[in-house]
Amino acid sequence: MSRIPTGFGMIVRVDRYACGCHYMRCDYHDGSIGERTIRHDGKVLPTELRPEQGA
């Protein structure tokens, strides 16, 4: 897992797995969250919205 402050008011978290899949999460300065899961074959998986994401 890597947590990278961008200097633009958000923190990016990246998890990479041995199979080639990876997960990214962006925590924005206003409290909103963006997530993306990408399989080892490059397919982007849908993300379920949770209450903290404005659902």
C-alpha atoms as a PDB file:
ATOM      1  CA  MET A   1       0.000   0.000   0.000  1.00  0.00           C
ATOM      2  CA  SER A   2       1.220   3.469  -0.853  1.00  0.00           C
ATOM      3  CA  ARG A   3      -0.285   6.706   0.483  1.00  0.00           C
ATOM      4  CA  ILE A   4       0.760   9.677  -1.580  1.00  0.00           C
ATOM      5  CA  PRO A   5      -0.131  13.262  -0.603  1.00  0.00           C
ATOM      6  CA  THR A   6      -0.450  15.175  -3.865  1.00  0.00           C
ATOM      7  CA  GLY A   7      -0.139  18.720  -2.610  1.00  0.00           C
ATOM      8  CA  PHE A   8      -3.484  19.517  -4.242  1.00  0.00           C
ATOM      9  CA  GLY A   9      -5.671  18.718  -1.235  1.00  0.00           C
ATOM     10  CA  MET A  10      -6.032  14.994  -1.763  1.00  0.00           C
ATOM     11  CA  ILE A  11      -4.359  11.770  -0.712  1.00  0.00           C
ATOM     12  CA  VAL A  12      -4.036   8.868  -3.141  1.00  0.00           C
ATOM     13  CA  ARG A  13      -3.845   5.292  -1.856  1.00  0.00           C
ATOM     14  CA  VAL A  14      -2.664   2.571  -4.251  1.00  0.00           C
ATOM     15  CA  ASP A  15      -2.692  -1.154  -3.435  1.00  0.00           C
ATOM     16  CA  ARG A  16      -1.002  -3.467  -5.948  1.00  0.00           C
ATOM     17  CA  TYR A  17      -1.362  -7.233  -5.736  1.00  0.00           C
ATOM     18  CA  ALA A  18       0.909 -10.035  -6.963  1.00  0.00           C
ATOM     19  CA  CYS A  19      -1.699 -11.159  -9.513  1.00  0.00           C
ATOM     20  CA  GLY A  20      -1.537  -7.755 -11.252  1.00  0.00           C
ATOM     21  CA  CYS A  21      -4.802  -6.328  -9.895  1.00  0.00           C
ATOM     22  CA  HIS A  22      -4.762  -2.949  -8.204  1.00  0.00           C
ATOM     23  CA  TYR A  23      -7.018  -0.681  -6.185  1.00  0.00           C
ATOM     24  CA  MET A  24      -6.838   3.122  -6.056  1.00  0.00           C
ATOM     25  CA  ARG A  25      -8.596   5.461  -3.642  1.00  0.00           C
ATOM     26  CA  CYS A  26      -8.498   9.269  -3.685  1.00  0.00           C
ATOM     27  CA  ASP A  27      -9.510  11.172  -0.550  1.00  0.00           C
ATOM     28  CA  TYR A  28     -10.316  14.752  -1.578  1.00  0.00           C
ATOM     29  CA  HIS A  29     -10.053  17.887   0.590  1.00  0.00           C
ATOM     30  CA  ASP A  30     -13.863  18.228   0.769  1.00  0.00           C
ATOM     31  CA  GLY A  31     -14.275  14.730   2.239  1.00  0.00           C
ATOM     32  CA  SER A  32     -15.406  13.023  -0.967  1.00  0.00           C
ATOM     33  CA  ILE A  33     -13.842   9.747  -2.049  1.00  0.00           C
ATOM     34  CA  GLY A  34     -13.095   8.276  -5.453  1.00  0.00           C
ATOM     35  CA  GLU A  35     -12.272   4.587  -5.859  1.00  0.00           C
ATOM     36  CA  ARG A  36     -11.259   2.349  -8.741  1.00  0.00           C
ATOM     37  CA  THR A  37     -10.479  -1.372  -8.854  1.00  0.00           C
ATOM     38  CA  ILE A  38      -8.681  -2.720 -11.911  1.00  0.00           C
ATOM     39  CA  ARG A  39      -8.263  -6.441 -12.553  1.00  0.00           C
ATOM     40  CA  HIS A  40      -5.038  -7.993 -13.810  1.00  0.00           C
ATOM     41  CA  ASP A  41      -6.526  -8.154 -17.331  1.00  0.00           C
ATOM     42  CA  GLY A  42      -7.174  -4.385 -17.345  1.00  0.00           C
ATOM     43  CA  LYS A  43     -10.942  -4.509 -16.782  1.00  0.00           C
ATOM     44  CA  VAL A  44     -12.201  -1.719 -14.515  1.00  0.00           C
ATOM     45  CA  LEU A  45     -14.680  -3.099 -11.984  1.00  0.00           C
ATOM     46  CA  PRO A  46     -17.753  -1.086 -10.945  1.00  0.00           C
ATOM     47  CA  THR A  47     -17.551   0.554  -7.533  1.00  0.00           C
ATOM     48  CA  GLU A  48     -20.508   0.453  -5.176  1.00  0.00           C
ATOM     49  CA  LEU A  49     -21.376   3.857  -3.719  1.00  0.00           C
ATOM     50  CA  ARG A  50     -21.413   4.214   0.057  1.00  0.00           C
ATOM     51  CA  PRO A  51     -22.957   7.020   2.150  1.00  0.00           C
ATOM     52  CA  GLU A  52     -19.613   8.849   2.520  1.00  0.00           C
ATOM     53  CA  GLN A  53     -19.384   8.930  -1.287  1.00  0.00           C
ATOM     54  CA  GLY A  54     -22.622  10.844  -1.688  1.00  0.00           C
ATOM     55  CA  ALA A  55     -24.941   7.931  -2.475  1.00  0.00           C
END
